[in-house]
Amino acid sequence: MHSYGGIVETEAIPEDLTHAARHAQGHRGGVLHLFYFAGCILPKGQSVLGAFGESQVPSFDLPGAKAGKYSDFALECDGTTFPVHKVVVCTQVEAFAAACKGGFKEACSGVYRIDGFQSSTVGYMVEYLYTGDYTTEYDCKDDIESSCKGKTTSHPNPSTPILSEVLFTHIQVAEIAEYYQVSRLKTLVEKKVDKTLQMPWSPKGFAKAVELAYRVPNAESLRDKIAGVLVQHLDDFLDDAPESPFTDDVSVRVLRLMRKASQASAKSIQALHSECKSLKEELARERQKQAQPAQHAGTSRNILRLDGSTLSATSREILAIARRANHERRLN
């Protein structure tokens, strides 16, 4: 086997066709050796996409692929069938590979049934397995694209899907990626969530997205992102909100008290800033006052000589202090 043929032909010889496996089952014959001549071999559980960063087929939109032409396997969900190719899906999802081996019914029927997910979510996963990416119905909308490039407003355009709708779709993909252990798809979902969270804020439906995010196992990073948004918009969920991600009274009361304490701290900090500013201004005025007698000490003698009789006792005392300060400065 040479070059890329090593991958294809290795996948064509499952473990149950080896001589040792067949001998253990009481059968004769079997494959003893595979000879590779500058051939490609993938580590167990690895995919062509993961190893080389390229897809096995040019595009998911190939008419033949979408029509099921040359497919040898199928995924079925909620009445929708996705014709696929074992060499594509089984090399990336261990559950699909396992179903095609041994005496599982999928190996005989060639159909793998997926329950617990929407058919659209399964479609996004299949698209990723073929292309390394997935495109939702929202990704084609110009309003979302512009909002995610920094052109955000505090009020979403009525024609633009709200934040929770787009977010919910990606979290569902994260859930199926975790279920079938497609780690690279999970990483891609997180990037898409980061982009989605740049959309204009709307609390509508966000509690439902939070619930789903915290239902996905091993999704700490995703949960942290969602929690960060909740902190920024906490007021929308604490004051008699129609929808709230906080389902128990204790959490709401604790968060309200924490918010009240935070607001009091903010006021105290603001007062300290104002007081500090006032003290700085007062100090500057005192320094200016201290500098004035020294600046005018040279002229004080002339004032006294010209009209000393008209000066009050206070003025005479100030001028005397100025003279002494001027004299001390000269000595120094």
Protein backbone atom coordinates (compact mmCIF):
# COMPACT_ATOMS: atom_id res chain seq x y z
CA MET A 1 0.00 0.00 0.00
CA HIS A 2 1.39 3.34 -1.04
CA SER A 3 0.68 6.94 0.00
CA TYR A 4 -2.97 7.78 0.80
CA GLY A 5 -3.95 4.23 -0.19
CA GLY A 6 -2.58 3.14 3.15
CA ILE A 7 -5.49 4.88 4.89
CA VAL A 8 -8.20 3.52 2.63
CA GLU A 9 -6.94 -0.07 2.53
CA THR A 10 -6.23 -0.18 6.26
CA GLU A 11 -9.84 0.86 6.93
CA ALA A 12 -10.97 -1.89 4.54
CA ILE A 13 -9.43 -4.56 6.80
CA PRO A 14 -11.20 -4.45 10.20
CA GLU A 15 -9.76 -6.34 13.16
CA ASP A 16 -12.28 -9.17 12.87
CA LEU A 17 -10.75 -10.14 9.49
CA THR A 18 -7.27 -10.71 10.92
CA HIS A 19 -5.96 -14.27 11.09
CA ALA A 20 -5.83 -14.18 14.90
CA ALA A 21 -9.44 -12.96 15.22
CA ARG A 22 -10.79 -15.53 12.78
CA HIS A 23 -8.78 -18.34 14.38
CA ALA A 24 -10.24 -17.41 17.79
CA GLN A 25 -13.73 -17.72 16.29
CA GLY A 26 -12.93 -21.13 14.79
CA HIS A 27 -12.65 -19.87 11.21
CA ARG A 28 -9.93 -20.53 8.70
CA GLY A 29 -7.87 -17.95 6.86
CA GLY A 30 -7.52 -14.26 7.58
CA VAL A 31 -5.12 -11.41 6.98
CA LEU A 32 -1.64 -12.03 8.36
CA HIS A 33 0.24 -8.87 7.33
CA LEU A 34 -0.26 -5.50 5.67
CA PHE A 35 2.70 -4.21 3.66
CA TYR A 36 3.15 -0.42 3.46
CA PHE A 37 5.48 1.23 0.96
CA ALA A 38 5.72 4.96 1.89
CA GLY A 39 2.10 4.63 2.92
CA CYS A 40 0.03 6.71 5.34
CA ILE A 41 -1.10 5.19 8.63
CA LEU A 42 -3.42 7.02 11.02
CA PRO A 43 -3.19 6.53 14.79
CA LYS A 44 -6.18 4.71 16.24
CA GLY A 45 -9.12 7.07 16.70
CA GLN A 46 -7.54 9.77 14.54
CA SER A 47 -9.07 11.14 11.33
CA VAL A 48 -7.66 12.48 8.10
CA LEU A 49 -9.06 15.89 9.03
CA GLY A 50 -7.43 15.80 12.45
CA ALA A 51 -4.07 14.54 11.18
CA PHE A 52 -3.67 16.58 8.01
CA GLY A 53 -6.13 19.47 8.41
CA GLU A 54 -7.98 18.66 5.20
CA SER A 55 -11.26 17.04 4.31
CA GLN A 56 -11.60 13.68 2.65
CA VAL A 57 -14.07 15.04 0.10
CA PRO A 58 -13.85 18.40 -1.70
CA SER A 59 -17.18 19.74 -0.47
CA PHE A 60 -20.22 18.68 1.52
CA ASP A 61 -22.37 20.20 -1.20
CA LEU A 62 -21.37 17.67 -3.85
CA PRO A 63 -24.63 16.68 -5.57
CA GLY A 64 -23.71 13.02 -5.48
CA ALA A 65 -22.91 13.06 -1.76
CA LYS A 66 -26.14 14.87 -0.87
CA ALA A 67 -28.15 12.43 -2.95
CA GLY A 68 -26.47 9.50 -1.25
CA LYS A 69 -24.59 8.40 -4.34
CA TYR A 70 -21.83 5.92 -3.53
CA SER A 71 -22.66 6.14 0.20
CA ASP A 72 -22.33 2.96 2.23
CA PHE A 73 -23.86 4.06 5.53
CA ALA A 74 -26.62 6.33 6.79
CA LEU A 75 -27.51 8.30 9.91
CA GLU A 76 -31.18 8.66 10.75
CA CYS A 77 -32.73 11.21 13.10
CA ASP A 78 -36.34 12.28 13.58
CA GLY A 79 -37.41 10.97 10.18
CA THR A 80 -34.48 12.52 8.31
CA THR A 81 -31.84 10.29 6.70
CA PHE A 82 -28.26 11.47 6.10
CA PRO A 83 -26.41 9.27 3.58
CA VAL A 84 -22.74 9.15 4.56
CA HIS A 85 -19.54 7.26 3.84
CA LYS A 86 -17.92 5.02 6.41
CA VAL A 87 -14.44 6.17 5.49
CA VAL A 88 -15.49 9.70 6.43
CA VAL A 89 -17.65 9.30 9.55
CA CYS A 90 -16.27 6.12 11.09
CA THR A 91 -12.71 7.43 11.14
CA GLN A 92 -13.84 10.42 13.22
CA VAL A 93 -16.60 9.01 15.45
CA GLU A 94 -15.76 5.86 17.36
CA ALA A 95 -19.44 5.09 18.05
CA PHE A 96 -20.16 4.88 14.31
CA ALA A 97 -17.11 2.69 13.75
CA ALA A 98 -18.10 0.36 16.57
CA ALA A 99 -21.64 0.05 15.20
CA CYS A 100 -20.30 -1.11 11.85
CA LYS A 101 -18.33 -3.92 13.44
CA GLY A 102 -19.40 -7.18 15.02
CA GLY A 103 -23.01 -8.24 15.30
CA PHE A 104 -24.69 -4.88 15.83
CA LYS A 105 -27.86 -4.31 13.85
CA GLU A 106 -26.34 -1.19 12.23
CA ALA A 107 -23.74 -3.40 10.58
CA CYS A 108 -26.54 -5.33 8.87
CA SER A 109 -28.97 -2.50 8.13
CA GLY A 110 -26.36 0.11 7.32
CA VAL A 111 -28.42 2.67 9.27
CA TYR A 112 -27.44 4.26 12.57
CA ARG A 113 -30.35 5.81 14.44
CA ILE A 114 -29.71 8.94 16.52
CA ASP A 115 -32.19 9.86 19.25
CA GLY A 116 -32.27 12.78 21.65
CA PHE A 117 -31.12 15.39 19.14
CA GLN A 118 -32.76 17.50 16.48
CA SER A 119 -32.20 16.46 12.89
CA SER A 120 -30.74 19.90 12.13
CA THR A 121 -28.09 19.37 14.82
CA VAL A 122 -27.17 16.00 13.32
CA GLY A 123 -26.91 17.74 9.95
CA TYR A 124 -24.44 20.27 11.37
CA MET A 125 -22.30 17.45 12.76
CA VAL A 126 -22.34 15.58 9.44
CA GLU A 127 -21.37 18.75 7.62
CA TYR A 128 -18.46 19.21 10.00
CA LEU A 129 -17.26 15.62 9.50
CA TYR A 130 -17.05 16.30 5.77
CA THR A 131 -15.82 19.89 5.65
CA GLY A 132 -14.33 20.75 9.03
CA ASP A 133 -16.95 23.46 9.56
CA TYR A 134 -20.71 23.88 9.80
CA THR A 135 -23.03 26.68 8.74
CA THR A 136 -26.31 27.39 10.51
CA GLU A 137 -29.32 29.13 9.04
CA TYR A 138 -28.31 32.29 10.91
CA ASP A 139 -24.77 32.48 9.51
CA CYS A 140 -26.09 33.70 6.16
CA LYS A 141 -27.84 36.78 7.57
CA ASP A 142 -26.07 40.09 6.93
CA ASP A 143 -27.37 41.63 10.17
CA ILE A 144 -25.65 38.99 12.28
CA GLU A 145 -22.44 39.24 10.28
CA SER A 146 -22.28 43.01 10.73
CA SER A 147 -23.12 42.83 14.45
CA CYS A 148 -20.35 40.32 15.02
CA LYS A 149 -17.81 42.63 13.36
CA GLY A 150 -18.25 45.28 16.00
CA LYS A 151 -21.22 47.15 14.51
CA THR A 152 -23.34 46.42 17.57
CA THR A 153 -26.25 48.34 19.01
CA SER A 154 -28.03 48.08 22.34
CA HIS A 155 -31.29 47.20 20.58
CA PRO A 156 -31.37 44.33 18.05
CA ASN A 157 -32.91 44.86 14.64
CA PRO A 158 -36.39 43.24 14.62
CA SER A 159 -35.42 41.28 11.50
CA THR A 160 -32.28 39.90 13.17
CA PRO A 161 -32.52 36.67 15.20
CA ILE A 162 -32.04 37.38 18.88
CA LEU A 163 -28.89 36.30 20.70
CA SER A 164 -30.42 33.28 22.43
CA GLU A 165 -31.67 31.74 19.16
CA VAL A 166 -28.22 31.69 17.59
CA LEU A 167 -26.56 30.68 20.85
CA PHE A 168 -28.99 27.81 21.41
CA THR A 169 -28.12 26.31 18.03
CA HIS A 170 -24.39 26.27 18.79
CA ILE A 171 -24.92 24.83 22.28
CA GLN A 172 -26.91 21.98 20.73
CA VAL A 173 -23.95 21.27 18.45
CA ALA A 174 -21.67 21.32 21.51
CA GLU A 175 -23.95 18.78 23.15
CA ILE A 176 -23.84 16.32 20.24
CA ALA A 177 -20.07 16.86 19.86
CA GLU A 178 -19.62 15.89 23.53
CA TYR A 179 -21.95 12.92 23.19
CA TYR A 180 -20.03 11.47 20.24
CA GLN A 181 -16.64 12.69 21.50
CA VAL A 182 -15.77 14.86 18.49
CA SER A 183 -13.29 17.07 20.34
CA ARG A 184 -12.35 19.31 17.42
CA LEU A 185 -16.00 20.10 16.82
CA LYS A 186 -16.31 21.17 20.47
CA THR A 187 -13.39 23.56 19.97
CA LEU A 188 -15.03 25.00 16.86
CA VAL A 189 -18.31 25.51 18.73
CA GLU A 190 -16.55 27.57 21.40
CA LYS A 191 -15.13 29.88 18.73
CA LYS A 192 -18.57 30.31 17.22
CA VAL A 193 -20.05 31.02 20.67
CA ASP A 194 -17.44 33.74 21.24
CA LYS A 195 -18.52 35.37 17.98
CA THR A 196 -22.21 34.97 18.80
CA LEU A 197 -21.81 36.69 22.19
CA GLN A 198 -20.76 39.86 20.34
CA MET A 199 -24.32 40.21 19.02
CA PRO A 200 -26.64 42.88 20.49
CA TRP A 201 -27.81 41.88 23.95
CA SER A 202 -31.32 40.56 24.55
CA PRO A 203 -32.46 38.71 27.68
CA LYS A 204 -35.28 37.00 25.80
CA GLY A 205 -34.77 33.24 25.78
CA PHE A 206 -31.33 33.51 27.38
CA ALA A 207 -32.40 31.52 30.44
CA LYS A 208 -33.19 28.56 28.19
CA ALA A 209 -29.74 28.78 26.60
CA VAL A 210 -28.17 28.82 30.08
CA GLU A 211 -30.13 25.71 31.06
CA LEU A 212 -28.92 23.84 27.97
CA ALA A 213 -25.30 24.96 28.41
CA TYR A 214 -25.26 23.62 31.96
CA ARG A 215 -26.73 20.35 30.73
CA VAL A 216 -23.76 19.66 28.45
CA PRO A 217 -21.19 17.47 30.27
CA ASN A 218 -17.53 18.53 30.43
CA ALA A 219 -18.30 22.00 29.06
CA GLU A 220 -16.56 24.16 31.68
CA SER A 221 -15.26 26.70 29.18
CA LEU A 222 -18.68 27.09 27.58
CA ARG A 223 -20.32 27.52 30.99
CA ASP A 224 -17.78 30.18 31.98
CA LYS A 225 -18.59 32.16 28.85
CA ILE A 226 -22.33 32.03 29.62
CA ALA A 227 -21.75 32.93 33.28
CA GLY A 228 -19.67 35.94 32.21
CA VAL A 229 -22.59 37.27 30.18
CA LEU A 230 -24.95 36.76 33.14
CA VAL A 231 -22.68 38.85 35.38
CA GLN A 232 -22.73 41.71 32.87
CA HIS A 233 -26.54 41.67 32.61
CA LEU A 234 -27.51 40.51 36.09
CA ASP A 235 -30.14 43.23 36.56
CA ASP A 236 -32.21 41.75 33.73
CA PHE A 237 -32.79 38.56 35.73
CA LEU A 238 -33.17 39.70 39.35
CA ASP A 239 -36.01 42.22 39.34
CA ASP A 240 -39.19 40.26 38.59
CA ALA A 241 -37.88 39.05 35.23
CA PRO A 242 -40.31 36.88 33.20
CA GLU A 243 -37.46 34.46 32.50
CA SER A 244 -34.61 33.73 34.88
CA PRO A 245 -31.74 31.21 34.86
CA PHE A 246 -31.84 31.22 38.67
CA THR A 247 -34.43 28.64 39.55
CA ASP A 248 -34.41 28.79 43.36
CA ASP A 249 -35.31 31.61 45.73
CA VAL A 250 -32.06 31.31 47.71
CA SER A 251 -29.91 32.10 44.68
CA VAL A 252 -31.99 35.14 43.76
CA ARG A 253 -31.92 36.54 47.31
CA VAL A 254 -28.17 36.02 47.67
CA LEU A 255 -27.48 37.66 44.31
CA ARG A 256 -29.70 40.62 45.18
CA LEU A 257 -27.81 41.16 48.44
CA MET A 258 -24.49 40.85 46.63
CA ARG A 259 -25.65 43.39 44.05
CA LYS A 260 -26.71 45.79 46.83
CA ALA A 261 -23.33 45.41 48.53
CA SER A 262 -21.55 45.94 45.21
CA GLN A 263 -23.52 49.12 44.54
CA ALA A 264 -22.70 50.43 48.04
CA SER A 265 -19.02 49.68 47.45
CA ALA A 266 -19.14 51.52 44.14
CA LYS A 267 -20.62 54.59 45.85
CA SER A 268 -17.94 54.47 48.55
CA ILE A 269 -15.20 54.25 45.94
CA GLN A 270 -16.70 57.20 44.07
CA ALA A 271 -16.83 59.24 47.29
CA LEU A 272 -13.20 58.40 48.02
CA HIS A 273 -12.22 59.52 44.52
CA SER A 274 -14.03 62.83 45.06
CA GLU A 275 -12.42 63.33 48.46
CA CYS A 276 -8.99 62.55 47.06
CA LYS A 277 -9.52 65.07 44.27
CA SER A 278 -10.55 67.75 46.79
CA LEU A 279 -7.50 67.08 48.95
CA LYS A 280 -5.21 67.35 45.94
CA GLU A 281 -6.76 70.70 44.99
CA GLU A 282 -6.45 72.00 48.59
CA LEU A 283 -2.83 70.88 48.74
CA ALA A 284 -2.10 72.69 45.49
CA ARG A 285 -3.63 75.90 46.88
CA GLU A 286 -1.57 75.65 50.08
CA ARG A 287 1.62 75.18 48.09
CA GLN A 288 0.71 78.18 45.98
CA LYS A 289 0.13 80.28 49.13
CA GLN A 290 3.48 79.24 50.55
CA ALA A 291 5.20 80.21 47.33
CA GLN A 292 3.61 83.69 47.12
CA PRO A 293 5.43 85.36 50.13
CA ALA A 294 8.81 84.29 48.75
CA GLN A 295 7.94 85.61 45.30
CA HIS A 296 6.93 89.02 46.64
CA ALA A 297 9.49 89.33 49.42
CA GLY A 298 11.74 91.46 47.25
CA THR A 299 9.05 94.08 46.81
CA SER A 300 7.87 94.11 50.44
CA ARG A 301 10.65 96.45 51.58
CA ASN A 302 9.65 99.06 49.01
CA ILE A 303 6.01 98.81 50.14
CA LEU A 304 6.98 99.43 53.75
CA ARG A 305 9.28 102.30 52.90
CA LEU A 306 6.79 104.05 50.67
CA ASP A 307 3.74 103.80 52.85
CA GLY A 308 4.52 101.87 56.02
CA SER A 309 2.04 103.86 58.05
CA THR A 310 -0.92 102.60 56.04
CA LEU A 311 -0.25 98.85 56.64
CA SER A 312 -2.30 96.97 59.25
CA ALA A 313 -0.68 94.92 61.96
CA THR A 314 -1.60 91.69 60.11
CA SER A 315 -0.03 92.91 56.89
CA ARG A 316 3.10 93.96 58.76
CA GLU A 317 3.34 90.47 60.32
CA ILE A 318 2.95 88.75 56.92
CA LEU A 319 5.62 90.94 55.40
CA ALA A 320 7.95 90.23 58.32
CA ILE A 321 7.49 86.49 57.76
CA ALA A 322 8.18 86.97 54.08
CA ARG A 323 11.39 88.84 54.87
CA ARG A 324 12.62 86.07 57.15
CA ALA A 325 11.79 83.41 54.57
CA ASN A 326 13.59 85.36 51.88
CA HIS A 327 16.60 85.85 54.15
CA GLU A 328 16.75 82.13 55.02
CA ARG A 329 16.52 81.20 51.35
CA ARG A 330 19.49 83.42 50.54
CA LEU A 331 21.55 81.90 53.38
CA ASN A 332 20.78 78.43 52.10
